[in-house]
Structure formats: C-alpha cells, structure tokens
C-alpha atoms as a PDB file:
ATOM      1  CA  MET A   1       0.000   0.000   0.000  1.00  0.00           C
ATOM      2  CA  ILE A   2       2.727   2.476   0.887  1.00  0.00           C
ATOM      3  CA  GLY A   3       4.297   2.050  -2.545  1.00  0.00           C
ATOM      4  CA  GLU A   4       1.175   3.087  -4.421  1.00  0.00           C
ATOM      5  CA  ARG A   5       0.547   6.024  -2.115  1.00  0.00           C
ATOM      6  CA  LEU A   6       4.147   7.176  -2.312  1.00  0.00           C
ATOM      7  CA  GLN A   7       4.188   7.020  -6.099  1.00  0.00           C
ATOM      8  CA  GLU A   8       0.882   8.905  -6.331  1.00  0.00           C
ATOM      9  CA  LEU A   9       2.032  11.625  -3.939  1.00  0.00           C
ATOM     10  CA  ARG A  10       5.367  12.006  -5.708  1.00  0.00           C
ATOM     11  CA  LYS A  11       3.751  12.270  -9.145  1.00  0.00           C
ATOM     12  CA  ASP A  12       1.108  14.716  -7.871  1.00  0.00           C
ATOM     13  CA  LYS A  13       3.946  16.917  -6.622  1.00  0.00           C
ATOM     14  CA  GLY A  14       5.655  16.635 -10.032  1.00  0.00           C
ATOM     15  CA  ILE A  15       9.002  15.302  -8.847  1.00  0.00           C
ATOM     16  CA  SER A  16      11.024  12.416 -10.203  1.00  0.00           C
ATOM     17  CA  GLN A  17      12.258   9.441  -8.232  1.00  0.00           C
ATOM     18  CA  ALA A  18      15.782  10.878  -8.450  1.00  0.00           C
ATOM     19  CA  GLU A  19      14.666  14.260  -7.114  1.00  0.00           C
ATOM     20  CA  PHE A  20      12.765  12.628  -4.279  1.00  0.00           C
ATOM     21  CA  ALA A  21      15.734  10.376  -3.514  1.00  0.00           C
ATOM     22  CA  ASP A  22      17.907  13.495  -3.121  1.00  0.00           C
ATOM     23  CA  ILE A  23      15.362  14.976  -0.711  1.00  0.00           C
ATOM     24  CA  LEU A  24      15.356  11.808   1.413  1.00  0.00           C
ATOM     25  CA  GLY A  25      19.090  11.248   1.089  1.00  0.00           C
ATOM     26  CA  VAL A  26      18.726   7.804  -0.484  1.00  0.00           C
ATOM     27  CA  SER A  27      19.311   6.381  -3.957  1.00  0.00           C
ATOM     28  CA  HIS A  28      16.662   6.468  -6.649  1.00  0.00           C
ATOM     29  CA  TYR A  29      16.805   2.650  -6.531  1.00  0.00           C
ATOM     30  CA  THR A  30      15.568   2.859  -2.936  1.00  0.00           C
ATOM     31  CA  ILE A  31      12.628   5.030  -3.994  1.00  0.00           C
ATOM     32  CA  SER A  32      11.862   2.582  -6.785  1.00  0.00           C
ATOM     33  CA  SER A  33      12.008  -0.267  -4.281  1.00  0.00           C
ATOM     34  CA  TYR A  34       9.548   1.563  -2.001  1.00  0.00           C
ATOM     35  CA  GLU A  35       7.174   2.286  -4.865  1.00  0.00           C
ATOM     36  CA  CYS A  36       7.262  -1.325  -6.090  1.00  0.00           C
ATOM     37  CA  ASN A  37       6.619  -2.554  -2.531  1.00  0.00           C
ATOM     38  CA  ARG A  38       9.877  -4.512  -2.495  1.00  0.00           C
ATOM     39  CA  SER A  39      10.897  -2.714   0.700  1.00  0.00           C
ATOM     40  CA  ASP A  40       9.391  -0.307   3.194  1.00  0.00           C
ATOM     41  CA  PRO A  41      10.928   2.910   4.457  1.00  0.00           C
ATOM     42  CA  ASP A  42      11.942   2.823   8.109  1.00  0.00           C
ATOM     43  CA  ASP A  43       9.816   4.751  10.597  1.00  0.00           C
ATOM     44  CA  ASN A  44      11.968   7.896  10.440  1.00  0.00           C
ATOM     45  CA  ALA A  45      11.746   7.918   6.650  1.00  0.00           C
ATOM     46  CA  LYS A  46       7.964   7.485   6.834  1.00  0.00           C
ATOM     47  CA  ILE A  47       7.746  10.543   9.063  1.00  0.00           C
ATOM     48  CA  THR A  48       9.972  12.548   6.714  1.00  0.00           C
ATOM     49  CA  ILE A  49       7.865  11.464   3.721  1.00  0.00           C
ATOM     50  CA  ALA A  50       4.613  12.315   5.515  1.00  0.00           C
ATOM     51  CA  LYS A  51       5.925  15.757   6.477  1.00  0.00           C
ATOM     52  CA  PHE A  52       7.205  16.437   2.961  1.00  0.00           C
ATOM     53  CA  PHE A  53       3.880  15.582   1.320  1.00  0.00           C
ATOM     54  CA  ASP A  54       1.847  16.952   4.258  1.00  0.00           C
ATOM     55  CA  VAL A  55      -0.146  13.757   4.768  1.00  0.00           C
ATOM     56  CA  SER A  56      -0.611  11.695   7.895  1.00  0.00           C
ATOM     57  CA  VAL A  57       1.522   8.608   8.378  1.00  0.00           C
ATOM     58  CA  ASP A  58      -1.760   6.697   8.740  1.00  0.00           C
ATOM     59  CA  TYR A  59      -2.669   7.715   5.195  1.00  0.00           C
ATOM     60  CA  LEU A  60       0.796   6.974   3.884  1.00  0.00           C
ATOM     61  CA  ILE A  61       0.785   3.398   5.178  1.00  0.00           C
ATOM     62  CA  GLY A  62      -2.822   2.739   4.164  1.00  0.00           C
ATOM     63  CA  LEU A  63      -4.616   2.730   7.512  1.00  0.00           C
ATOM     64  CA  ILE A  64      -6.971   5.491   6.361  1.00  0.00           C
ATOM     65  CA  ASN A  65      -8.052   6.642   2.918  1.00  0.00           C
ATOM     66  CA  GLU A  66      -8.425  10.329   3.747  1.00  0.00           C
ATOM     67  CA  PRO A  67      -5.157  12.209   3.154  1.00  0.00           C
ATOM     68  CA  LEU A  68      -5.274  14.213   6.365  1.00  0.00           C
ATOM     69  CA  PRO A  69      -2.480  16.748   6.789  1.00  0.00           C
ATOM     70  CA  TYR A  70       0.586  15.725   8.773  1.00  0.00           C
ATOM     71  CA  ASP A  71       0.344  18.628  11.195  1.00  0.00           C
ATOM     72  CA  ARG A  72      -3.273  18.908  12.209  1.00  0.00           C
ATOM     73  CA  ASN A  73      -5.412  19.860  15.162  1.00  0.00           C
ATOM     74  CA  GLN A  74      -9.117  20.019  15.973  1.00  0.00           C
ATOM     75  CA  MET A  75      -9.558  23.027  13.730  1.00  0.00           C
ATOM     76  CA  THR A  76      -8.184  21.274  10.651  1.00  0.00           C
ATOM     77  CA  ILE A  77     -10.609  20.191   7.967  1.00  0.00           C
ATOM     78  CA  SER A  78      -9.866  17.916   5.081  1.00  0.00           C
ATOM     79  CA  VAL A  79     -10.952  18.703   1.543  1.00  0.00           C
ATOM     80  CA  PRO A  80     -10.817  16.422  -1.467  1.00  0.00           C
ATOM     81  CA  ARG A  81      -7.435  16.334  -3.207  1.00  0.00           C
ATOM     82  CA  ASN A  82      -9.008  17.337  -6.499  1.00  0.00           C
ATOM     83  CA  PHE A  83     -10.172  20.736  -5.152  1.00  0.00           C
ATOM     84  CA  ASP A  84      -8.497  23.549  -7.046  1.00  0.00           C
ATOM     85  CA  GLU A  85      -7.755  27.123  -6.006  1.00  0.00           C
ATOM     86  CA  ASN A  86     -11.263  28.255  -6.941  1.00  0.00           C
ATOM     87  CA  ASP A  87     -12.806  25.557  -4.748  1.00  0.00           C
ATOM     88  CA  MET A  88     -10.562  26.591  -1.862  1.00  0.00           C
ATOM     89  CA  ALA A  89     -11.522  30.245  -2.353  1.00  0.00           C
ATOM     90  CA  ASN A  90     -15.205  29.256  -2.173  1.00  0.00           C
ATOM     91  CA  ILE A  91     -14.577  27.405   1.082  1.00  0.00           C
ATOM     92  CA  LYS A  92     -12.807  30.428   2.547  1.00  0.00           C
ATOM     93  CA  ASP A  93     -15.679  32.685   1.446  1.00  0.00           C
ATOM     94  CA  TYR A  94     -18.155  30.365   3.129  1.00  0.00           C
ATOM     95  CA  ILE A  95     -16.145  30.387   6.347  1.00  0.00           C
ATOM     96  CA  ARG A  96     -16.138  34.202   6.305  1.00  0.00           C
ATOM     97  CA  PHE A  97     -19.918  34.106   5.762  1.00  0.00           C
ATOM     98  CA  LEU A  98     -20.355  31.793   8.766  1.00  0.00           C
ATOM     99  CA  GLU A  99     -18.182  34.096  10.885  1.00  0.00           C
ATOM    100  CA  PHE A 100     -20.340  37.037   9.804  1.00  0.00           C
ATOM    101  CA  GLN A 101     -23.521  35.119  10.729  1.00  0.00           C
ATOM    102  CA  LYS A 102     -22.152  34.426  14.211  1.00  0.00           C
ATOM    103  CA  LEU A 103     -21.606  38.155  14.794  1.00  0.00           C
ATOM    104  CA  LYS A 104     -25.294  38.932  14.216  1.00  0.00           C
END
C-alpha cells in the first residue's frame, strides 16, 4: 500500500524518483524499491515522507483513505485532493460568511 501512495504523492507533486531520492538522502533505486513494494521505508523515513507531502503517516501506510495533513489539530478540515484554487476560495468565502452570521 505504501508504494502506491508514495508514487501517487510524488507524481502529484511533479518530482522524479531521483529528485525525491535526493530529498530523502537515499538512492533512486531505494525510492523505486519503495514504490514497487519490495521494501518499506523505516519509521523515520515514513515521518519525513509524511511531512514532505503533508499527509498523515496513517494515510501513507494505508490505515486510512483520507489524506489528512501531517500537522493537524481540531480546527483542521480535510478537503478532497481534487479541489483547485477556486474551490478553496469558495470554502474560505463560506467560512467568512459563517463568521459574519455568528456576529449577528
């Protein structure tokens, strides 16, 4: 599971295996091995990967299907990955509207 998620996250970010290997300080063969599920990153590498892509380790290893952000709190909400900037602007507008409603 981690291999598929890692490959998807890397491609969504538009970086090559070699570029990602440089970021992690490993060889591109290691990244390929992770993505083909021939080996798993150690726990420290999983944390580094999760931080880099801003997803939870639970998502990265396949425990959950919602790509929650790595650094989250109660006030964090998750939006679908396919939301674009316009969608995010609409969400922010709606939040401002709700704040305005509370002031009344």
